[in-house]
Amino acid sequence: MAYIQGLTRGKKEWTPKFVRSVDDERCIGCGRCVKICAHGVLEPKEVDEEESAKMFVTVANPDDCIGCEACGRTCKKEAFSFEPVAA
């Protein structure tokens, strides 16, 4: 299967990997990824549990992802999964 590829400034081939999902079991809702994403792909979400509310992040605008993986690099809990887009 062929994937969409690009070039870095130094002319090296690069395959962008776009955010596929955030594991809400791993996500602690710290918001670092939301702050680092300049394209508004992610947004915080609150889930009401029995006695308290749990914050986590969801992929709200996946079509706006540019494949930089900055959100995954900033996540201490490794809650993100990524995938390239087939050509």
PDB file of N, CA and C in Angstrom:
ATOM      1  N   MET A   1       0.844  -1.172   0.000  1.00  0.00           N
ATOM      2  CA  MET A   1       0.000   0.000   0.000  1.00  0.00           C
ATOM      3  C   MET A   1       0.895   1.244   0.000  1.00  0.00           C
ATOM      4  N   ALA A   2       0.571   2.190  -0.829  1.00  0.00           N
ATOM      5  CA  ALA A   2       1.339   3.429  -0.915  1.00  0.00           C
ATOM      6  C   ALA A   2       0.711   4.486  -0.012  1.00  0.00           C
ATOM      7  N   TYR A   3       1.569   5.238   0.645  1.00  0.00           N
ATOM      8  CA  TYR A   3       1.109   6.298   1.534  1.00  0.00           C
ATOM      9  C   TYR A   3       1.505   7.653   0.972  1.00  0.00           C
ATOM     10  N   ILE A   4       0.749   8.666   1.343  1.00  0.00           N
ATOM     11  CA  ILE A   4       1.072  10.030   0.954  1.00  0.00           C
ATOM     12  C   ILE A   4       2.384  10.415   1.626  1.00  0.00           C
ATOM     13  N   GLN A   5       3.337  10.887   0.844  1.00  0.00           N
ATOM     14  CA  GLN A   5       4.628  11.280   1.375  1.00  0.00           C
ATOM     15  C   GLN A   5       4.932  12.715   1.001  1.00  0.00           C
ATOM     16  N   GLY A   6       5.819  13.295   1.759  1.00  0.00           N
ATOM     17  CA  GLY A   6       6.279  14.642   1.489  1.00  0.00           C
ATOM     18  C   GLY A   6       7.786  14.685   1.632  1.00  0.00           C
ATOM     19  N   LEU A   7       8.316  15.878   1.585  1.00  0.00           N
ATOM     20  CA  LEU A   7       9.749  16.073   1.768  1.00  0.00           C
ATOM     21  C   LEU A   7       9.979  17.062   2.896  1.00  0.00           C
ATOM     22  N   THR A   8      11.042  16.818   3.645  1.00  0.00           N
ATOM     23  CA  THR A   8      11.441  17.785   4.654  1.00  0.00           C
ATOM     24  C   THR A   8      12.176  18.917   3.947  1.00  0.00           C
ATOM     25  N   ARG A   9      12.497  19.934   4.678  1.00  0.00           N
ATOM     26  CA  ARG A   9      13.252  21.052   4.104  1.00  0.00           C
ATOM     27  C   ARG A   9      14.588  20.574   3.551  1.00  0.00           C
ATOM     28  N   GLY A  10      15.164  19.551   4.184  1.00  0.00           N
ATOM     29  CA  GLY A  10      16.438  18.989   3.741  1.00  0.00           C
ATOM     30  C   GLY A  10      16.298  17.958   2.645  1.00  0.00           C
ATOM     31  N   LYS A  11      15.105  17.859   2.048  1.00  0.00           N
ATOM     32  CA  LYS A  11      14.805  16.972   0.926  1.00  0.00           C
ATOM     33  C   LYS A  11      14.780  15.483   1.306  1.00  0.00           C
ATOM     34  N   LYS A  12      14.552  15.175   2.576  1.00  0.00           N
ATOM     35  CA  LYS A  12      14.382  13.787   3.008  1.00  0.00           C
ATOM     36  C   LYS A  12      12.901  13.438   2.918  1.00  0.00           C
ATOM     37  N   GLU A  13      12.621  12.199   2.501  1.00  0.00           N
ATOM     38  CA  GLU A  13      11.231  11.768   2.428  1.00  0.00           C
ATOM     39  C   GLU A  13      10.638  11.667   3.823  1.00  0.00           C
ATOM     40  N   TRP A  14       9.373  12.030   3.933  1.00  0.00           N
ATOM     41  CA  TRP A  14       8.676  12.025   5.219  1.00  0.00           C
ATOM     42  C   TRP A  14       7.242  11.599   4.984  1.00  0.00           C
ATOM     43  N   THR A  15       6.773  10.652   5.780  1.00  0.00           N
ATOM     44  CA  THR A  15       5.384  10.213   5.712  1.00  0.00           C
ATOM     45  C   THR A  15       4.668  10.740   6.947  1.00  0.00           C
ATOM     46  N   PRO A  16       3.767  11.700   6.774  1.00  0.00           N
ATOM     47  CA  PRO A  16       3.040  12.226   7.936  1.00  0.00           C
ATOM     48  C   PRO A  16       2.110  11.155   8.505  1.00  0.00           C
ATOM     49  N   LYS A  17       2.001  11.144   9.827  1.00  0.00           N
ATOM     50  CA  LYS A  17       1.081  10.233  10.500  1.00  0.00           C
ATOM     51  C   LYS A  17       0.056  11.082  11.228  1.00  0.00           C
ATOM     52  N   PHE A  18      -1.186  10.868  10.881  1.00  0.00           N
ATOM     53  CA  PHE A  18      -2.283  11.685  11.389  1.00  0.00           C
ATOM     54  C   PHE A  18      -2.902  11.039  12.627  1.00  0.00           C
ATOM     55  N   VAL A  19      -3.375  11.882  13.545  1.00  0.00           N
ATOM     56  CA  VAL A  19      -3.968  11.370  14.773  1.00  0.00           C
ATOM     57  C   VAL A  19      -5.210  10.544  14.433  1.00  0.00           C
ATOM     58  N   ARG A  20      -5.248   9.336  14.971  1.00  0.00           N
ATOM     59  CA  ARG A  20      -6.386   8.449  14.749  1.00  0.00           C
ATOM     60  C   ARG A  20      -7.313   8.467  15.946  1.00  0.00           C
ATOM     61  N   SER A  21      -6.715   8.373  17.150  1.00  0.00           N
ATOM     62  CA  SER A  21      -7.551   8.343  18.354  1.00  0.00           C
ATOM     63  C   SER A  21      -6.724   8.669  19.593  1.00  0.00           C
ATOM     64  N   VAL A  22      -7.447   8.929  20.682  1.00  0.00           N
ATOM     65  CA  VAL A  22      -6.854   9.141  21.995  1.00  0.00           C
ATOM     66  C   VAL A  22      -7.462   8.090  22.919  1.00  0.00           C
ATOM     67  N   ASP A  23      -6.621   7.336  23.580  1.00  0.00           N
ATOM     68  CA  ASP A  23      -7.073   6.289  24.497  1.00  0.00           C
ATOM     69  C   ASP A  23      -7.557   6.947  25.788  1.00  0.00           C
ATOM     70  N   ASP A  24      -8.865   6.945  26.014  1.00  0.00           N
ATOM     71  CA  ASP A  24      -9.396   7.639  27.188  1.00  0.00           C
ATOM     72  C   ASP A  24      -9.114   6.892  28.498  1.00  0.00           C
ATOM     73  N   GLU A  25      -8.599   5.681  28.407  1.00  0.00           N
ATOM     74  CA  GLU A  25      -8.158   4.980  29.616  1.00  0.00           C
ATOM     75  C   GLU A  25      -6.782   5.485  30.062  1.00  0.00           C
ATOM     76  N   ARG A  26      -5.973   5.923  29.113  1.00  0.00           N
ATOM     77  CA  ARG A  26      -4.636   6.443  29.424  1.00  0.00           C
ATOM     78  C   ARG A  26      -4.631   7.943  29.650  1.00  0.00           C
ATOM     79  N   CYS A  27      -5.471   8.663  28.915  1.00  0.00           N
ATOM     80  CA  CYS A  27      -5.505  10.124  28.980  1.00  0.00           C
ATOM     81  C   CYS A  27      -5.924  10.590  30.374  1.00  0.00           C
ATOM     82  N   ILE A  28      -5.174  11.550  30.910  1.00  0.00           N
ATOM     83  CA  ILE A  28      -5.497  12.093  32.238  1.00  0.00           C
ATOM     84  C   ILE A  28      -6.098  13.494  32.151  1.00  0.00           C
ATOM     85  N   GLY A  29      -6.293  13.989  30.936  1.00  0.00           N
ATOM     86  CA  GLY A  29      -6.944  15.284  30.746  1.00  0.00           C
ATOM     87  C   GLY A  29      -6.102  16.482  31.123  1.00  0.00           C
ATOM     88  N   CYS A  30      -4.781  16.371  31.021  1.00  0.00           N
ATOM     89  CA  CYS A  30      -3.907  17.481  31.415  1.00  0.00           C
ATOM     90  C   CYS A  30      -4.007  18.667  30.457  1.00  0.00           C
ATOM     91  N   GLY A  31      -4.351  18.419  29.190  1.00  0.00           N
ATOM     92  CA  GLY A  31      -4.533  19.489  28.221  1.00  0.00           C
ATOM     93  C   GLY A  31      -3.287  19.945  27.486  1.00  0.00           C
ATOM     94  N   ARG A  32      -2.141  19.331  27.730  1.00  0.00           N
ATOM     95  CA  ARG A  32      -0.910  19.741  27.037  1.00  0.00           C
ATOM     96  C   ARG A  32      -1.059  19.605  25.525  1.00  0.00           C
ATOM     97  N   CYS A  33      -1.669  18.520  25.104  1.00  0.00           N
ATOM     98  CA  CYS A  33      -1.830  18.273  23.670  1.00  0.00           C
ATOM     99  C   CYS A  33      -2.755  19.306  23.028  1.00  0.00           C
ATOM    100  N   VAL A  34      -3.798  19.704  23.736  1.00  0.00           N
ATOM    101  CA  VAL A  34      -4.732  20.708  23.215  1.00  0.00           C
ATOM    102  C   VAL A  34      -3.998  22.024  23.007  1.00  0.00           C
ATOM    103  N   LYS A  35      -3.138  22.376  23.955  1.00  0.00           N
ATOM    104  CA  LYS A  35      -2.380  23.628  23.857  1.00  0.00           C
ATOM    105  C   LYS A  35      -1.360  23.603  22.731  1.00  0.00           C
ATOM    106  N   ILE A  36      -0.749  22.441  22.486  1.00  0.00           N
ATOM    107  CA  ILE A  36       0.319  22.366  21.487  1.00  0.00           C
ATOM    108  C   ILE A  36      -0.216  22.302  20.056  1.00  0.00           C
ATOM    109  N   CYS A  37      -1.451  21.835  19.886  1.00  0.00           N
ATOM    110  CA  CYS A  37      -2.026  21.703  18.532  1.00  0.00           C
ATOM    111  C   CYS A  37      -2.494  23.060  18.030  1.00  0.00           C
ATOM    112  N   ALA A  38      -1.834  23.544  17.000  1.00  0.00           N
ATOM    113  CA  ALA A  38      -2.159  24.860  16.438  1.00  0.00           C
ATOM    114  C   ALA A  38      -3.326  24.808  15.455  1.00  0.00           C
ATOM    115  N   HIS A  39      -3.884  23.625  15.230  1.00  0.00           N
ATOM    116  CA  HIS A  39      -4.922  23.481  14.211  1.00  0.00           C
ATOM    117  C   HIS A  39      -6.289  23.108  14.773  1.00  0.00           C
ATOM    118  N   GLY A  40      -6.425  23.101  16.087  1.00  0.00           N
ATOM    119  CA  GLY A  40      -7.721  22.852  16.704  1.00  0.00           C
ATOM    120  C   GLY A  40      -8.269  21.454  16.491  1.00  0.00           C
ATOM    121  N   VAL A  41      -7.383  20.487  16.353  1.00  0.00           N
ATOM    122  CA  VAL A  41      -7.806  19.109  16.109  1.00  0.00           C
ATOM    123  C   VAL A  41      -8.409  18.481  17.371  1.00  0.00           C
ATOM    124  N   LEU A  42      -7.872  18.848  18.521  1.00  0.00           N
ATOM    125  CA  LEU A  42      -8.270  18.227  19.784  1.00  0.00           C
ATOM    126  C   LEU A  42      -9.104  19.171  20.632  1.00  0.00           C
ATOM    127  N   GLU A  43      -9.930  18.583  21.497  1.00  0.00           N
ATOM    128  CA  GLU A  43     -10.642  19.405  22.473  1.00  0.00           C
ATOM    129  C   GLU A  43     -10.882  18.599  23.741  1.00  0.00           C
ATOM    130  N   PRO A  44     -10.904  19.287  24.887  1.00  0.00           N
ATOM    131  CA  PRO A  44     -11.152  18.592  26.153  1.00  0.00           C
ATOM    132  C   PRO A  44     -12.614  18.174  26.243  1.00  0.00           C
ATOM    133  N   LYS A  45     -12.820  17.092  26.943  1.00  0.00           N
ATOM    134  CA  LYS A  45     -14.170  16.573  27.118  1.00  0.00           C
ATOM    135  C   LYS A  45     -14.308  16.099  28.558  1.00  0.00           C
ATOM    136  N   GLU A  46     -15.463  16.274  29.127  1.00  0.00           N
ATOM    137  CA  GLU A  46     -15.708  15.878  30.513  1.00  0.00           C
ATOM    138  C   GLU A  46     -16.719  14.738  30.528  1.00  0.00           C
ATOM    139  N   VAL A  47     -16.409  13.722  31.339  1.00  0.00           N
ATOM    140  CA  VAL A  47     -17.326  12.608  31.515  1.00  0.00           C
ATOM    141  C   VAL A  47     -17.746  12.593  32.971  1.00  0.00           C
ATOM    142  N   ASP A  48     -19.030  12.628  33.204  1.00  0.00           N
ATOM    143  CA  ASP A  48     -19.532  12.569  34.575  1.00  0.00           C
ATOM    144  C   ASP A  48     -19.559  11.123  35.037  1.00  0.00           C
ATOM    145  N   GLU A  49     -18.749  10.841  36.046  1.00  0.00           N
ATOM    146  CA  GLU A  49     -18.765   9.526  36.658  1.00  0.00           C
ATOM    147  C   GLU A  49     -19.595   9.625  37.929  1.00  0.00           C
ATOM    148  N   GLU A  50     -19.741   8.554  38.655  1.00  0.00           N
ATOM    149  CA  GLU A  50     -20.636   8.530  39.812  1.00  0.00           C
ATOM    150  C   GLU A  50     -20.406   9.658  40.805  1.00  0.00           C
ATOM    151  N   GLU A  51     -19.181   9.845  41.255  1.00  0.00           N
ATOM    152  CA  GLU A  51     -18.926  10.853  42.281  1.00  0.00           C
ATOM    153  C   GLU A  51     -18.048  12.005  41.822  1.00  0.00           C
ATOM    154  N   SER A  52     -17.449  11.872  40.653  1.00  0.00           N
ATOM    155  CA  SER A  52     -16.584  12.945  40.180  1.00  0.00           C
ATOM    156  C   SER A  52     -16.597  12.976  38.656  1.00  0.00           C
ATOM    157  N   ALA A  53     -16.092  14.052  38.121  1.00  0.00           N
ATOM    158  CA  ALA A  53     -15.998  14.195  36.672  1.00  0.00           C
ATOM    159  C   ALA A  53     -14.575  13.889  36.243  1.00  0.00           C
ATOM    160  N   LYS A  54     -14.416  13.209  35.124  1.00  0.00           N
ATOM    161  CA  LYS A  54     -13.102  12.902  34.585  1.00  0.00           C
ATOM    162  C   LYS A  54     -12.922  13.694  33.299  1.00  0.00           C
ATOM    163  N   MET A  55     -11.794  14.356  33.176  1.00  0.00           N
ATOM    164  CA  MET A  55     -11.469  15.088  31.958  1.00  0.00           C
ATOM    165  C   MET A  55     -10.596  14.193  31.075  1.00  0.00           C
ATOM    166  N   PHE A  56     -10.818  14.274  29.783  1.00  0.00           N
ATOM    167  CA  PHE A  56      -9.934  13.638  28.825  1.00  0.00           C
ATOM    168  C   PHE A  56     -10.033  14.417  27.524  1.00  0.00           C
ATOM    169  N   VAL A  57      -9.245  14.018  26.542  1.00  0.00           N
ATOM    170  CA  VAL A  57      -9.178  14.739  25.274  1.00  0.00           C
ATOM    171  C   VAL A  57      -9.769  13.863  24.185  1.00  0.00           C
ATOM    172  N   THR A  58     -10.437  14.493  23.250  1.00  0.00           N
ATOM    173  CA  THR A  58     -11.014  13.778  22.116  1.00  0.00           C
ATOM    174  C   THR A  58     -10.556  14.423  20.806  1.00  0.00           C
ATOM    175  N   VAL A  59     -10.571  13.640  19.738  1.00  0.00           N
ATOM    176  CA  VAL A  59     -10.221  14.145  18.410  1.00  0.00           C
ATOM    177  C   VAL A  59     -11.496  14.755  17.828  1.00  0.00           C
ATOM    178  N   ALA A  60     -11.601  16.067  17.904  1.00  0.00           N
ATOM    179  CA  ALA A  60     -12.816  16.771  17.500  1.00  0.00           C
ATOM    180  C   ALA A  60     -12.836  17.123  16.012  1.00  0.00           C
ATOM    181  N   ASN A  61     -11.675  17.434  15.452  1.00  0.00           N
ATOM    182  CA  ASN A  61     -11.588  17.877  14.051  1.00  0.00           C
ATOM    183  C   ASN A  61     -10.466  17.124  13.318  1.00  0.00           C
ATOM    184  N   PRO A  62     -10.641  15.833  13.083  1.00  0.00           N
ATOM    185  CA  PRO A  62      -9.551  15.041  12.495  1.00  0.00           C
ATOM    186  C   PRO A  62      -9.109  15.511  11.108  1.00  0.00           C
ATOM    187  N   ASP A  63     -10.015  16.117  10.349  1.00  0.00           N
ATOM    188  CA  ASP A  63      -9.652  16.576   9.005  1.00  0.00           C
ATOM    189  C   ASP A  63      -8.695  17.765   9.018  1.00  0.00           C
ATOM    190  N   ASP A  64      -8.531  18.406  10.164  1.00  0.00           N
ATOM    191  CA  ASP A  64      -7.619  19.542  10.282  1.00  0.00           C
ATOM    192  C   ASP A  64      -6.201  19.129  10.678  1.00  0.00           C
ATOM    193  N   CYS A  65      -5.992  17.846  10.980  1.00  0.00           N
ATOM    194  CA  CYS A  65      -4.674  17.350  11.397  1.00  0.00           C
ATOM    195  C   CYS A  65      -3.693  17.435  10.233  1.00  0.00           C
ATOM    196  N   ILE A  66      -2.465  17.922  10.511  1.00  0.00           N
ATOM    197  CA  ILE A  66      -1.438  18.026   9.471  1.00  0.00           C
ATOM    198  C   ILE A  66      -0.391  16.920   9.579  1.00  0.00           C
ATOM    199  N   GLY A  67      -0.520  16.039  10.564  1.00  0.00           N
ATOM    200  CA  GLY A  67       0.381  14.904  10.682  1.00  0.00           C
ATOM    201  C   GLY A  67       1.712  15.196  11.335  1.00  0.00           C
ATOM    202  N   CYS A  68       1.785  16.219  12.153  1.00  0.00           N
ATOM    203  CA  CYS A  68       3.064  16.589  12.780  1.00  0.00           C
ATOM    204  C   CYS A  68       3.383  15.749  14.023  1.00  0.00           C
ATOM    205  N   GLU A  69       2.381  15.133  14.631  1.00  0.00           N
ATOM    206  CA  GLU A  69       2.506  14.285  15.819  1.00  0.00           C
ATOM    207  C   GLU A  69       2.970  15.030  17.069  1.00  0.00           C
ATOM    208  N   ALA A  70       2.859  16.358  17.083  1.00  0.00           N
ATOM    209  CA  ALA A  70       3.262  17.133  18.264  1.00  0.00           C
ATOM    210  C   ALA A  70       2.433  16.739  19.477  1.00  0.00           C
ATOM    211  N   CYS A  71       1.168  16.454  19.282  1.00  0.00           N
ATOM    212  CA  CYS A  71       0.300  16.066  20.397  1.00  0.00           C
ATOM    213  C   CYS A  71       0.807  14.782  21.061  1.00  0.00           C
ATOM    214  N   GLY A  72       1.204  13.826  20.263  1.00  0.00           N
ATOM    215  CA  GLY A  72       1.709  12.564  20.799  1.00  0.00           C
ATOM    216  C   GLY A  72       3.043  12.712  21.496  1.00  0.00           C
ATOM    217  N   ARG A  73       3.882  13.596  20.993  1.00  0.00           N
ATOM    218  CA  ARG A  73       5.193  13.806  21.628  1.00  0.00           C
ATOM    219  C   ARG A  73       5.062  14.492  22.972  1.00  0.00           C
ATOM    220  N   THR A  74       4.028  15.304  23.152  1.00  0.00           N
ATOM    221  CA  THR A  74       3.855  16.015  24.419  1.00  0.00           C
ATOM    222  C   THR A  74       3.105  15.176  25.459  1.00  0.00           C
ATOM    223  N   CYS A  75       2.501  14.075  25.043  1.00  0.00           N
ATOM    224  CA  CYS A  75       1.689  13.240  25.938  1.00  0.00           C
ATOM    225  C   CYS A  75       2.562  12.292  26.760  1.00  0.00           C
ATOM    226  N   LYS A  76       2.597  12.519  28.066  1.00  0.00           N
ATOM    227  CA  LYS A  76       3.397  11.696  28.975  1.00  0.00           C
ATOM    228  C   LYS A  76       2.806  10.294  29.150  1.00  0.00           C
ATOM    229  N   LYS A  77       1.528  10.135  28.868  1.00  0.00           N
ATOM    230  CA  LYS A  77       0.840   8.852  29.060  1.00  0.00           C
ATOM    231  C   LYS A  77       0.761   8.009  27.782  1.00  0.00           C
ATOM    232  N   GLU A  78       1.323   8.517  26.684  1.00  0.00           N
ATOM    233  CA  GLU A  78       1.322   7.813  25.401  1.00  0.00           C
ATOM    234  C   GLU A  78      -0.083   7.359  25.011  1.00  0.00           C
ATOM    235  N   ALA A  79      -1.022   8.285  25.080  1.00  0.00           N
ATOM    236  CA  ALA A  79      -2.430   7.979  24.832  1.00  0.00           C
ATOM    237  C   ALA A  79      -2.835   8.089  23.361  1.00  0.00           C
ATOM    238  N   PHE A  80      -1.950   8.560  22.497  1.00  0.00           N
ATOM    239  CA  PHE A  80      -2.309   8.800  21.104  1.00  0.00           C
ATOM    240  C   PHE A  80      -1.946   7.640  20.196  1.00  0.00           C
ATOM    241  N   SER A  81      -2.770   7.435  19.177  1.00  0.00           N
ATOM    242  CA  SER A  81      -2.415   6.520  18.105  1.00  0.00           C
ATOM    243  C   SER A  81      -2.508   7.289  16.800  1.00  0.00           C
ATOM    244  N   PHE A  82      -1.616   6.962  15.892  1.00  0.00           N
ATOM    245  CA  PHE A  82      -1.493   7.669  14.622  1.00  0.00           C
ATOM    246  C   PHE A  82      -1.486   6.683  13.470  1.00  0.00           C
ATOM    247  N   GLU A  83      -1.808   7.187  12.273  1.00  0.00           N
ATOM    248  CA  GLU A  83      -1.723   6.349  11.078  1.00  0.00           C
ATOM    249  C   GLU A  83      -1.478   7.241   9.866  1.00  0.00           C
ATOM    250  N   PRO A  84      -0.719   6.730   8.892  1.00  0.00           N
ATOM    251  CA  PRO A  84      -0.543   7.485   7.650  1.00  0.00           C
ATOM    252  C   PRO A  84      -1.809   7.359   6.812  1.00  0.00           C
ATOM    253  N   VAL A  85      -1.949   8.227   5.839  1.00  0.00           N
ATOM    254  CA  VAL A  85      -3.088   8.192   4.943  1.00  0.00           C
ATOM    255  C   VAL A  85      -2.643   7.538   3.636  1.00  0.00           C
ATOM    256  N   ALA A  86      -3.418   6.583   3.166  1.00  0.00           N
ATOM    257  CA  ALA A  86      -3.089   5.907   1.922  1.00  0.00           C
ATOM    258  C   ALA A  86      -3.312   6.828   0.732  1.00  0.00           C
ATOM    259  N   ALA A  87      -2.452   6.717  -0.241  1.00  0.00           N
ATOM    260  CA  ALA A  87      -2.562   7.564  -1.451  1.00  0.00           C
ATOM    261  C   ALA A  87      -3.643   7.048  -2.375  1.00  0.00           C
TER     262      ALA A  87
END
